[in-house]
């Protein structure tokens, strides 16, 4: 009987200690509060802005077909993104040196965790690197900017891509 009372009182003391340590942890690290300038900076971000790592297409992928059906030209301002629609344009800025370049999204990828965009070697050179991975900021450009002079994709072309009819489903050609 005395032992059961001792065990119960020990459990109550242990729960009390855990509760007080939890309260101390909350007092030490309160949730961050944004001051007025940080709140303004946070709200002024353009919609769709992404920050992450950019990589460069391998040279061996030259002339391989991209997701939009065109062959990869390593000397064009082309990029691959999983988030942005095919045919759209984006401004990519190197966070290390501030250089930026406009690219057309023509492919899907990268398929490596932590990366947000693949760039052609020409676009990577414009950002100040040739190989490897760099921290970048990607801002999608509005549709009217994509329809500018010399543009590859018009504003209406986004989302109108039709896959080639080479796939086989259940042995039926062109299905």
C-alpha atoms as a PDB file:
ATOM      1  CA  UNK A   1       0.000   0.000   0.000  1.00  0.00           C
ATOM      2  CA  UNK A   2       2.767   2.402   0.941  1.00  0.00           C
ATOM      3  CA  UNK A   3       4.678   1.493  -2.212  1.00  0.00           C
ATOM      4  CA  UNK A   4       1.651   2.233  -4.456  1.00  0.00           C
ATOM      5  CA  UNK A   5       1.261   5.634  -2.779  1.00  0.00           C
ATOM      6  CA  UNK A   6       4.971   6.332  -3.334  1.00  0.00           C
ATOM      7  CA  UNK A   7       4.748   5.371  -7.019  1.00  0.00           C
ATOM      8  CA  UNK A   8       1.670   7.566  -7.496  1.00  0.00           C
ATOM      9  CA  UNK A   9       3.308  10.534  -5.806  1.00  0.00           C
ATOM     10  CA  UNK A  10       6.474  10.005  -7.883  1.00  0.00           C
ATOM     11  CA  UNK A  11       4.424  10.020 -11.091  1.00  0.00           C
ATOM     12  CA  UNK A  12       2.703  13.230 -10.058  1.00  0.00           C
ATOM     13  CA  UNK A  13       6.037  14.894  -9.270  1.00  0.00           C
ATOM     14  CA  UNK A  14       7.455  13.716 -12.631  1.00  0.00           C
ATOM     15  CA  UNK A  15       4.464  15.117 -14.516  1.00  0.00           C
ATOM     16  CA  UNK A  16       4.799  18.382 -12.635  1.00  0.00           C
ATOM     17  CA  UNK A  17       8.470  18.653 -13.531  1.00  0.00           C
ATOM     18  CA  UNK A  18       7.776  17.916 -17.193  1.00  0.00           C
ATOM     19  CA  UNK A  19       5.093  20.574 -17.239  1.00  0.00           C
ATOM     20  CA  UNK A  20       7.398  23.184 -15.736  1.00  0.00           C
ATOM     21  CA  UNK A  21      10.196  22.340 -18.193  1.00  0.00           C
ATOM     22  CA  UNK A  22       7.734  22.705 -21.055  1.00  0.00           C
ATOM     23  CA  UNK A  23       6.722  26.141 -19.774  1.00  0.00           C
ATOM     24  CA  UNK A  24      10.388  27.140 -19.514  1.00  0.00           C
ATOM     25  CA  UNK A  25      10.990  26.032 -23.092  1.00  0.00           C
ATOM     26  CA  UNK A  26       8.119  28.227 -24.283  1.00  0.00           C
ATOM     27  CA  UNK A  27       9.421  31.192 -22.304  1.00  0.00           C
ATOM     28  CA  UNK A  28      12.914  30.801 -23.746  1.00  0.00           C
ATOM     29  CA  UNK A  29      11.832  30.600 -27.381  1.00  0.00           C
ATOM     30  CA  UNK A  30       8.659  32.601 -27.911  1.00  0.00           C
ATOM     31  CA  UNK A  31       7.201  32.598 -31.424  1.00  0.00           C
ATOM     32  CA  UNK A  32       8.875  35.236 -33.601  1.00  0.00           C
ATOM     33  CA  UNK A  33       6.936  38.460 -34.021  1.00  0.00           C
ATOM     34  CA  UNK A  34       7.421  40.411 -37.211  1.00  0.00           C
ATOM     35  CA  UNK A  35       8.111  44.094 -36.745  1.00  0.00           C
ATOM     36  CA  UNK A  36       6.506  46.597 -39.140  1.00  0.00           C
ATOM     37  CA  UNK A  37       9.389  46.690 -41.667  1.00  0.00           C
ATOM     38  CA  UNK A  38       9.715  42.894 -41.772  1.00  0.00           C
ATOM     39  CA  UNK A  39       5.952  42.545 -42.242  1.00  0.00           C
ATOM     40  CA  UNK A  40       6.034  45.008 -45.179  1.00  0.00           C
ATOM     41  CA  UNK A  41       8.992  43.234 -46.772  1.00  0.00           C
ATOM     42  CA  UNK A  42       7.262  39.885 -46.348  1.00  0.00           C
ATOM     43  CA  UNK A  43       4.005  41.100 -47.902  1.00  0.00           C
ATOM     44  CA  UNK A  44       5.719  42.876 -50.827  1.00  0.00           C
ATOM     45  CA  UNK A  45       7.074  39.622 -52.288  1.00  0.00           C
ATOM     46  CA  UNK A  46       5.775  38.977 -55.782  1.00  0.00           C
ATOM     47  CA  UNK A  47       3.342  36.068 -56.085  1.00  0.00           C
ATOM     48  CA  UNK A  48       4.990  32.810 -57.092  1.00  0.00           C
ATOM     49  CA  UNK A  49       8.444  33.829 -55.866  1.00  0.00           C
ATOM     50  CA  UNK A  50      10.659  30.841 -55.121  1.00  0.00           C
ATOM     51  CA  UNK A  51      14.074  30.665 -53.507  1.00  0.00           C
ATOM     52  CA  UNK A  52      16.214  27.592 -53.763  1.00  0.00           C
ATOM     53  CA  UNK A  53      19.016  25.954 -55.701  1.00  0.00           C
ATOM     54  CA  UNK A  54      19.567  26.106 -59.453  1.00  0.00           C
ATOM     55  CA  UNK A  55      21.604  23.593 -61.429  1.00  0.00           C
ATOM     56  CA  UNK A  56      22.955  23.502 -64.981  1.00  0.00           C
ATOM     57  CA  UNK A  57      21.887  21.101 -67.747  1.00  0.00           C
ATOM     58  CA  UNK A  58      24.559  18.547 -68.599  1.00  0.00           C
ATOM     59  CA  UNK A  59      26.135  19.033 -72.049  1.00  0.00           C
ATOM     60  CA  UNK A  60      25.278  15.445 -72.975  1.00  0.00           C
ATOM     61  CA  UNK A  61      21.581  16.427 -73.005  1.00  0.00           C
ATOM     62  CA  UNK A  62      22.041  18.694 -76.035  1.00  0.00           C
ATOM     63  CA  UNK A  63      19.384  18.098 -78.697  1.00  0.00           C
ATOM     64  CA  UNK A  64      17.338  15.849 -76.407  1.00  0.00           C
ATOM     65  CA  UNK A  65      13.628  16.542 -76.613  1.00  0.00           C
ATOM     66  CA  UNK A  66      12.222  18.731 -73.862  1.00  0.00           C
ATOM     67  CA  UNK A  67       8.729  18.558 -72.353  1.00  0.00           C
ATOM     68  CA  UNK A  68       7.345  21.014 -74.919  1.00  0.00           C
ATOM     69  CA  UNK A  69       8.642  18.860 -77.793  1.00  0.00           C
ATOM     70  CA  UNK A  70      11.519  21.086 -78.926  1.00  0.00           C
ATOM     71  CA  UNK A  71      15.148  19.930 -78.861  1.00  0.00           C
ATOM     72  CA  UNK A  72      17.311  21.339 -76.068  1.00  0.00           C
ATOM     73  CA  UNK A  73      19.548  24.140 -77.336  1.00  0.00           C
ATOM     74  CA  UNK A  74      22.297  24.721 -74.783  1.00  0.00           C
ATOM     75  CA  UNK A  75      22.886  28.239 -76.147  1.00  0.00           C
ATOM     76  CA  UNK A  76      19.346  29.471 -75.475  1.00  0.00           C
ATOM     77  CA  UNK A  77      17.772  31.028 -72.420  1.00  0.00           C
ATOM     78  CA  UNK A  78      15.769  27.942 -71.514  1.00  0.00           C
ATOM     79  CA  UNK A  79      14.983  26.427 -68.134  1.00  0.00           C
ATOM     80  CA  UNK A  80      13.181  23.519 -66.521  1.00  0.00           C
ATOM     81  CA  UNK A  81      10.768  23.961 -63.635  1.00  0.00           C
ATOM     82  CA  UNK A  82       8.274  21.705 -61.895  1.00  0.00           C
ATOM     83  CA  UNK A  83       6.173  24.633 -60.615  1.00  0.00           C
ATOM     84  CA  UNK A  84       5.918  27.076 -63.526  1.00  0.00           C
ATOM     85  CA  UNK A  85       3.782  26.389 -66.612  1.00  0.00           C
ATOM     86  CA  UNK A  86       5.445  25.450 -69.894  1.00  0.00           C
ATOM     87  CA  UNK A  87       5.914  28.441 -72.165  1.00  0.00           C
ATOM     88  CA  UNK A  88       5.967  30.964 -69.334  1.00  0.00           C
ATOM     89  CA  UNK A  89       8.870  33.285 -68.633  1.00  0.00           C
ATOM     90  CA  UNK A  90      10.681  33.848 -65.361  1.00  0.00           C
ATOM     91  CA  UNK A  91      13.412  36.090 -64.014  1.00  0.00           C
ATOM     92  CA  UNK A  92      16.151  34.103 -62.245  1.00  0.00           C
ATOM     93  CA  UNK A  93      18.469  36.037 -59.905  1.00  0.00           C
ATOM     94  CA  UNK A  94      21.719  34.683 -58.436  1.00  0.00           C
ATOM     95  CA  UNK A  95      21.496  35.496 -54.717  1.00  0.00           C
ATOM     96  CA  UNK A  96      25.296  35.487 -54.373  1.00  0.00           C
ATOM     97  CA  UNK A  97      26.137  38.229 -56.887  1.00  0.00           C
ATOM     98  CA  UNK A  98      22.779  39.805 -57.825  1.00  0.00           C
ATOM     99  CA  UNK A  99      22.969  38.982 -61.556  1.00  0.00           C
ATOM    100  CA  UNK A 100      19.704  38.039 -63.250  1.00  0.00           C
ATOM    101  CA  UNK A 101      18.457  36.578 -66.524  1.00  0.00           C
ATOM    102  CA  UNK A 102      15.063  35.986 -68.139  1.00  0.00           C
ATOM    103  CA  UNK A 103      14.367  32.404 -69.173  1.00  0.00           C
ATOM    104  CA  UNK A 104      11.574  30.522 -70.933  1.00  0.00           C
ATOM    105  CA  UNK A 105      10.243  27.437 -69.138  1.00  0.00           C
ATOM    106  CA  UNK A 106      10.278  24.644 -71.726  1.00  0.00           C
ATOM    107  CA  UNK A 107      11.030  21.540 -69.696  1.00  0.00           C
ATOM    108  CA  UNK A 108      10.107  19.771 -66.487  1.00  0.00           C
ATOM    109  CA  UNK A 109      12.603  19.225 -63.718  1.00  0.00           C
ATOM    110  CA  UNK A 110      14.834  19.242 -61.770  1.00  0.00           C
ATOM    111  CA  UNK A 111      14.051  15.944 -60.134  1.00  0.00           C
ATOM    112  CA  UNK A 112      16.573  16.386 -57.309  1.00  0.00           C
ATOM    113  CA  UNK A 113      15.372  17.350 -53.836  1.00  0.00           C
ATOM    114  CA  UNK A 114      16.105  20.950 -52.928  1.00  0.00           C
ATOM    115  CA  UNK A 115      16.487  22.245 -56.491  1.00  0.00           C
ATOM    116  CA  UNK A 116      13.880  24.504 -58.046  1.00  0.00           C
ATOM    117  CA  UNK A 117      15.187  25.151 -61.565  1.00  0.00           C
ATOM    118  CA  UNK A 118      17.546  23.730 -64.213  1.00  0.00           C
ATOM    119  CA  UNK A 119      19.276  26.256 -66.467  1.00  0.00           C
ATOM    120  CA  UNK A 120      21.036  25.981 -69.806  1.00  0.00           C
ATOM    121  CA  UNK A 121      24.780  26.728 -69.721  1.00  0.00           C
ATOM    122  CA  UNK A 122      24.139  30.092 -71.444  1.00  0.00           C
ATOM    123  CA  UNK A 123      21.678  31.197 -68.737  1.00  0.00           C
ATOM    124  CA  UNK A 124      24.040  29.936 -66.008  1.00  0.00           C
ATOM    125  CA  UNK A 125      26.923  31.953 -67.505  1.00  0.00           C
ATOM    126  CA  UNK A 126      24.725  35.049 -67.461  1.00  0.00           C
ATOM    127  CA  UNK A 127      24.202  34.429 -63.738  1.00  0.00           C
ATOM    128  CA  UNK A 128      27.933  34.064 -63.150  1.00  0.00           C
ATOM    129  CA  UNK A 129      28.492  30.303 -62.843  1.00  0.00           C
ATOM    130  CA  UNK A 130      29.286  27.459 -65.211  1.00  0.00           C
ATOM    131  CA  UNK A 131      28.781  24.270 -63.222  1.00  0.00           C
ATOM    132  CA  UNK A 132      27.432  23.183 -59.896  1.00  0.00           C
ATOM    133  CA  UNK A 133      24.528  24.476 -57.877  1.00  0.00           C
ATOM    134  CA  UNK A 134      23.811  28.067 -56.792  1.00  0.00           C
ATOM    135  CA  UNK A 135      21.171  29.720 -54.599  1.00  0.00           C
ATOM    136  CA  UNK A 136      18.725  31.660 -56.757  1.00  0.00           C
ATOM    137  CA  UNK A 137      15.428  33.482 -56.650  1.00  0.00           C
ATOM    138  CA  UNK A 138      12.857  32.719 -59.362  1.00  0.00           C
ATOM    139  CA  UNK A 139      10.086  35.216 -60.090  1.00  0.00           C
ATOM    140  CA  UNK A 140       7.477  34.348 -62.719  1.00  0.00           C
ATOM    141  CA  UNK A 141       6.885  37.164 -65.183  1.00  0.00           C
ATOM    142  CA  UNK A 142       3.342  38.247 -66.066  1.00  0.00           C
ATOM    143  CA  UNK A 143       1.742  36.968 -69.271  1.00  0.00           C
ATOM    144  CA  UNK A 144       2.053  40.320 -71.053  1.00  0.00           C
ATOM    145  CA  UNK A 145       5.831  40.271 -70.498  1.00  0.00           C
ATOM    146  CA  UNK A 146       5.972  36.828 -72.111  1.00  0.00           C
ATOM    147  CA  UNK A 147       4.430  38.153 -75.336  1.00  0.00           C
ATOM    148  CA  UNK A 148       7.195  40.708 -75.940  1.00  0.00           C
ATOM    149  CA  UNK A 149       9.328  41.048 -79.064  1.00  0.00           C
ATOM    150  CA  UNK A 150      11.555  38.079 -79.754  1.00  0.00           C
ATOM    151  CA  UNK A 151       9.579  35.902 -77.412  1.00  0.00           C
ATOM    152  CA  UNK A 152       9.348  32.207 -78.120  1.00  0.00           C
ATOM    153  CA  UNK A 153       5.980  31.700 -76.447  1.00  0.00           C
ATOM    154  CA  UNK A 154       2.947  33.933 -76.747  1.00  0.00           C
ATOM    155  CA  UNK A 155       0.625  34.526 -73.818  1.00  0.00           C
ATOM    156  CA  UNK A 156      -2.042  32.265 -75.313  1.00  0.00           C
ATOM    157  CA  UNK A 157       0.365  29.392 -75.869  1.00  0.00           C
ATOM    158  CA  UNK A 158       0.638  28.529 -72.187  1.00  0.00           C
ATOM    159  CA  UNK A 159      -1.213  25.318 -71.499  1.00  0.00           C
ATOM    160  CA  UNK A 160      -2.028  24.544 -75.146  1.00  0.00           C
ATOM    161  CA  UNK A 161       0.740  22.009 -75.690  1.00  0.00           C
ATOM    162  CA  UNK A 162      -0.405  18.628 -76.985  1.00  0.00           C
ATOM    163  CA  UNK A 163       1.782  15.570 -76.449  1.00  0.00           C
ATOM    164  CA  UNK A 164       3.061  13.691 -79.511  1.00  0.00           C
ATOM    165  CA  UNK A 165       0.911  10.710 -80.430  1.00  0.00           C
ATOM    166  CA  UNK A 166       3.691   8.141 -80.011  1.00  0.00           C
ATOM    167  CA  UNK A 167       2.548   6.578 -76.766  1.00  0.00           C
ATOM    168  CA  UNK A 168       0.987   3.143 -76.637  1.00  0.00           C
ATOM    169  CA  UNK A 169      -1.818   2.296 -74.280  1.00  0.00           C
ATOM    170  CA  UNK A 170      -2.848  -1.365 -74.100  1.00  0.00           C
ATOM    171  CA  UNK A 171      -1.093  -2.041 -77.399  1.00  0.00           C
ATOM    172  CA  UNK A 172      -3.119   0.524 -79.388  1.00  0.00           C
ATOM    173  CA  UNK A 173      -0.989   2.929 -81.447  1.00  0.00           C
ATOM    174  CA  UNK A 174      -1.825   6.617 -81.034  1.00  0.00           C
ATOM    175  CA  UNK A 175      -4.246   6.176 -78.147  1.00  0.00           C
END
